[in-house]
Each structure stands twice: as structure tokens, then as C-alpha cells.
Amino acid sequence: MTITSKLDRTRSIRLMLIGAFVGIFAPIAGFLGGTIVGVDQTVGGLEPLFVWLFVGMIVGLLGVAVGILGALRWVKGNHHLD
């Protein structure tokens, strides 16, 4: 196993973990942020809970995409066979 192979495997696993954590915690953080801001205010006619949760879901979706790309990179490199 070469040094680049080990670095590639480490990078792939790191991408999967970061993507999973962001995908799990971003919607939760969006919900908490929306409840902290307050319900009596509106942002462009929308309630802040909806806006923050929507942003959290978008960030979570991007995190899941990063995790999937890391998993595809790991499988493509055949690092799972070592």
C-alpha cells in the first residue's frame, strides 16, 4: 500500500464522516436557530422557524452530498478491499 493510497483512503473516510455529521446536525441547528430567533417576527412574510429550518435542510442536503461523494471515492479506489 502506497502513501497516496493511505491518504486517499483517509480523505474519503473524512469526507464521509463530515458529510454524515453535517447531514444530521444541520437541520437540528436550523430548527434550534429558528426557535431562538422568535416567532413574533417575520422575514419577508415568512416565519423565522420556516426560514431557518429550510436553510438547515439545504445545508444538510449539501452535507449528505459530500458524504456520498466520499463514499463513491472510497469504493472507486477499491480501498474497501484492503
C-alpha atoms as a PDB file:
ATOM      1  CA  MET A   1       0.000   0.000   0.000  1.00  0.00           C
ATOM      2  CA  THR A   2       1.460   3.364  -1.023  1.00  0.00           C
ATOM      3  CA  ILE A   3       1.387   6.672   0.818  1.00  0.00           C
ATOM      4  CA  THR A   4      -1.045   8.193  -1.688  1.00  0.00           C
ATOM      5  CA  SER A   5      -3.367   5.244  -1.263  1.00  0.00           C
ATOM      6  CA  LYS A   6      -3.439   5.740   2.505  1.00  0.00           C
ATOM      7  CA  LEU A   7      -4.015   9.472   2.082  1.00  0.00           C
ATOM      8  CA  ASP A   8      -6.820   8.830  -0.405  1.00  0.00           C
ATOM      9  CA  ARG A   9      -8.489   6.382   1.966  1.00  0.00           C
ATOM     10  CA  THR A  10      -8.157   8.829   4.860  1.00  0.00           C
ATOM     11  CA  ARG A  11      -9.576  11.650   2.771  1.00  0.00           C
ATOM     12  CA  SER A  12     -12.513   9.509   1.651  1.00  0.00           C
ATOM     13  CA  ILE A  13     -13.377   8.424   5.177  1.00  0.00           C
ATOM     14  CA  ARG A  14     -13.033  12.002   6.390  1.00  0.00           C
ATOM     15  CA  LEU A  15     -15.441  13.205   3.672  1.00  0.00           C
ATOM     16  CA  MET A  16     -17.959  10.518   4.629  1.00  0.00           C
ATOM     17  CA  LEU A  17     -17.815  11.432   8.310  1.00  0.00           C
ATOM     18  CA  ILE A  18     -18.051  15.177   7.737  1.00  0.00           C
ATOM     19  CA  GLY A  19     -20.959  14.689   5.344  1.00  0.00           C
ATOM     20  CA  ALA A  20     -22.795  12.468   7.815  1.00  0.00           C
ATOM     21  CA  PHE A  21     -22.331  14.882  10.721  1.00  0.00           C
ATOM     22  CA  VAL A  22     -23.404  17.901   8.682  1.00  0.00           C
ATOM     23  CA  GLY A  23     -26.356  15.983   7.252  1.00  0.00           C
ATOM     24  CA  ILE A  24     -27.547  15.035  10.723  1.00  0.00           C
ATOM     25  CA  PHE A  25     -26.868  18.206  12.678  1.00  0.00           C
ATOM     26  CA  ALA A  26     -27.656  20.988  10.160  1.00  0.00           C
ATOM     27  CA  PRO A  27     -31.463  20.531  10.242  1.00  0.00           C
ATOM     28  CA  ILE A  28     -31.357  20.300  14.033  1.00  0.00           C
ATOM     29  CA  ALA A  29     -29.303  23.507  14.202  1.00  0.00           C
ATOM     30  CA  GLY A  30     -31.721  25.176  11.777  1.00  0.00           C
ATOM     31  CA  PHE A  31     -34.681  24.220  13.944  1.00  0.00           C
ATOM     32  CA  LEU A  32     -32.945  25.448  17.090  1.00  0.00           C
ATOM     33  CA  GLY A  33     -31.886  28.679  15.400  1.00  0.00           C
ATOM     34  CA  GLY A  34     -35.439  29.307  14.248  1.00  0.00           C
ATOM     35  CA  THR A  35     -36.854  28.788  17.710  1.00  0.00           C
ATOM     36  CA  ILE A  36     -34.221  31.048  19.287  1.00  0.00           C
ATOM     37  CA  VAL A  37     -34.895  33.944  16.882  1.00  0.00           C
ATOM     38  CA  GLY A  38     -38.526  34.190  17.945  1.00  0.00           C
ATOM     39  CA  VAL A  39     -41.926  33.549  16.474  1.00  0.00           C
ATOM     40  CA  ASP A  40     -43.348  37.076  16.578  1.00  0.00           C
ATOM     41  CA  GLN A  41     -41.086  38.364  13.778  1.00  0.00           C
ATOM     42  CA  THR A  42     -41.421  37.715  10.071  1.00  0.00           C
ATOM     43  CA  VAL A  43     -38.711  37.652   7.411  1.00  0.00           C
ATOM     44  CA  GLY A  44     -40.102  38.597   4.011  1.00  0.00           C
ATOM     45  CA  GLY A  45     -43.557  37.381   5.025  1.00  0.00           C
ATOM     46  CA  LEU A  46     -42.213  34.061   6.317  1.00  0.00           C
ATOM     47  CA  GLU A  47     -41.773  32.954   9.871  1.00  0.00           C
ATOM     48  CA  PRO A  48     -38.168  32.587  11.023  1.00  0.00           C
ATOM     49  CA  LEU A  49     -38.676  28.972  12.088  1.00  0.00           C
ATOM     50  CA  PHE A  50     -39.506  28.041   8.492  1.00  0.00           C
ATOM     51  CA  VAL A  51     -36.605  30.072   7.056  1.00  0.00           C
ATOM     52  CA  TRP A  52     -34.005  28.669   9.465  1.00  0.00           C
ATOM     53  CA  LEU A  53     -35.263  25.098   9.100  1.00  0.00           C
ATOM     54  CA  PHE A  54     -35.258  25.424   5.315  1.00  0.00           C
ATOM     55  CA  VAL A  55     -31.669  26.718   5.351  1.00  0.00           C
ATOM     56  CA  GLY A  56     -30.718  23.890   7.721  1.00  0.00           C
ATOM     57  CA  MET A  57     -32.241  21.353   5.360  1.00  0.00           C
ATOM     58  CA  ILE A  58     -30.335  22.799   2.384  1.00  0.00           C
ATOM     59  CA  VAL A  59     -27.047  22.708   4.320  1.00  0.00           C
ATOM     60  CA  GLY A  60     -27.870  19.148   5.449  1.00  0.00           C
ATOM     61  CA  LEU A  61     -28.516  18.157   1.849  1.00  0.00           C
ATOM     62  CA  LEU A  62     -25.123  19.515   0.841  1.00  0.00           C
ATOM     63  CA  GLY A  63     -23.544  17.566   3.709  1.00  0.00           C
ATOM     64  CA  VAL A  64     -25.176  14.358   2.542  1.00  0.00           C
ATOM     65  CA  ALA A  65     -23.914  15.028  -0.988  1.00  0.00           C
ATOM     66  CA  VAL A  66     -20.365  15.420   0.367  1.00  0.00           C
ATOM     67  CA  GLY A  67     -20.747  12.143   2.268  1.00  0.00           C
ATOM     68  CA  ILE A  68     -21.976  10.329  -0.823  1.00  0.00           C
ATOM     69  CA  LEU A  69     -19.086  11.699  -2.869  1.00  0.00           C
ATOM     70  CA  GLY A  70     -16.664  10.464  -0.213  1.00  0.00           C
ATOM     71  CA  ALA A  71     -18.268   7.021  -0.277  1.00  0.00           C
ATOM     72  CA  LEU A  72     -18.130   6.859  -4.063  1.00  0.00           C
ATOM     73  CA  ARG A  73     -14.492   7.894  -3.985  1.00  0.00           C
ATOM     74  CA  TRP A  74     -13.753   5.179  -1.433  1.00  0.00           C
ATOM     75  CA  VAL A  75     -15.492   2.485  -3.481  1.00  0.00           C
ATOM     76  CA  LYS A  76     -13.941   3.678  -6.741  1.00  0.00           C
ATOM     77  CA  GLY A  77     -10.468   3.447  -5.243  1.00  0.00           C
ATOM     78  CA  ASN A  78     -11.063  -0.132  -4.053  1.00  0.00           C
ATOM     79  CA  HIS A  79      -9.893   0.840  -0.569  1.00  0.00           C
ATOM     80  CA  HIS A  80     -12.611  -1.272   0.973  1.00  0.00           C
ATOM     81  CA  LEU A  81     -10.895  -4.451  -0.297  1.00  0.00           C
ATOM     82  CA  ASP A  82      -7.692  -3.943   1.720  1.00  0.00           C
END
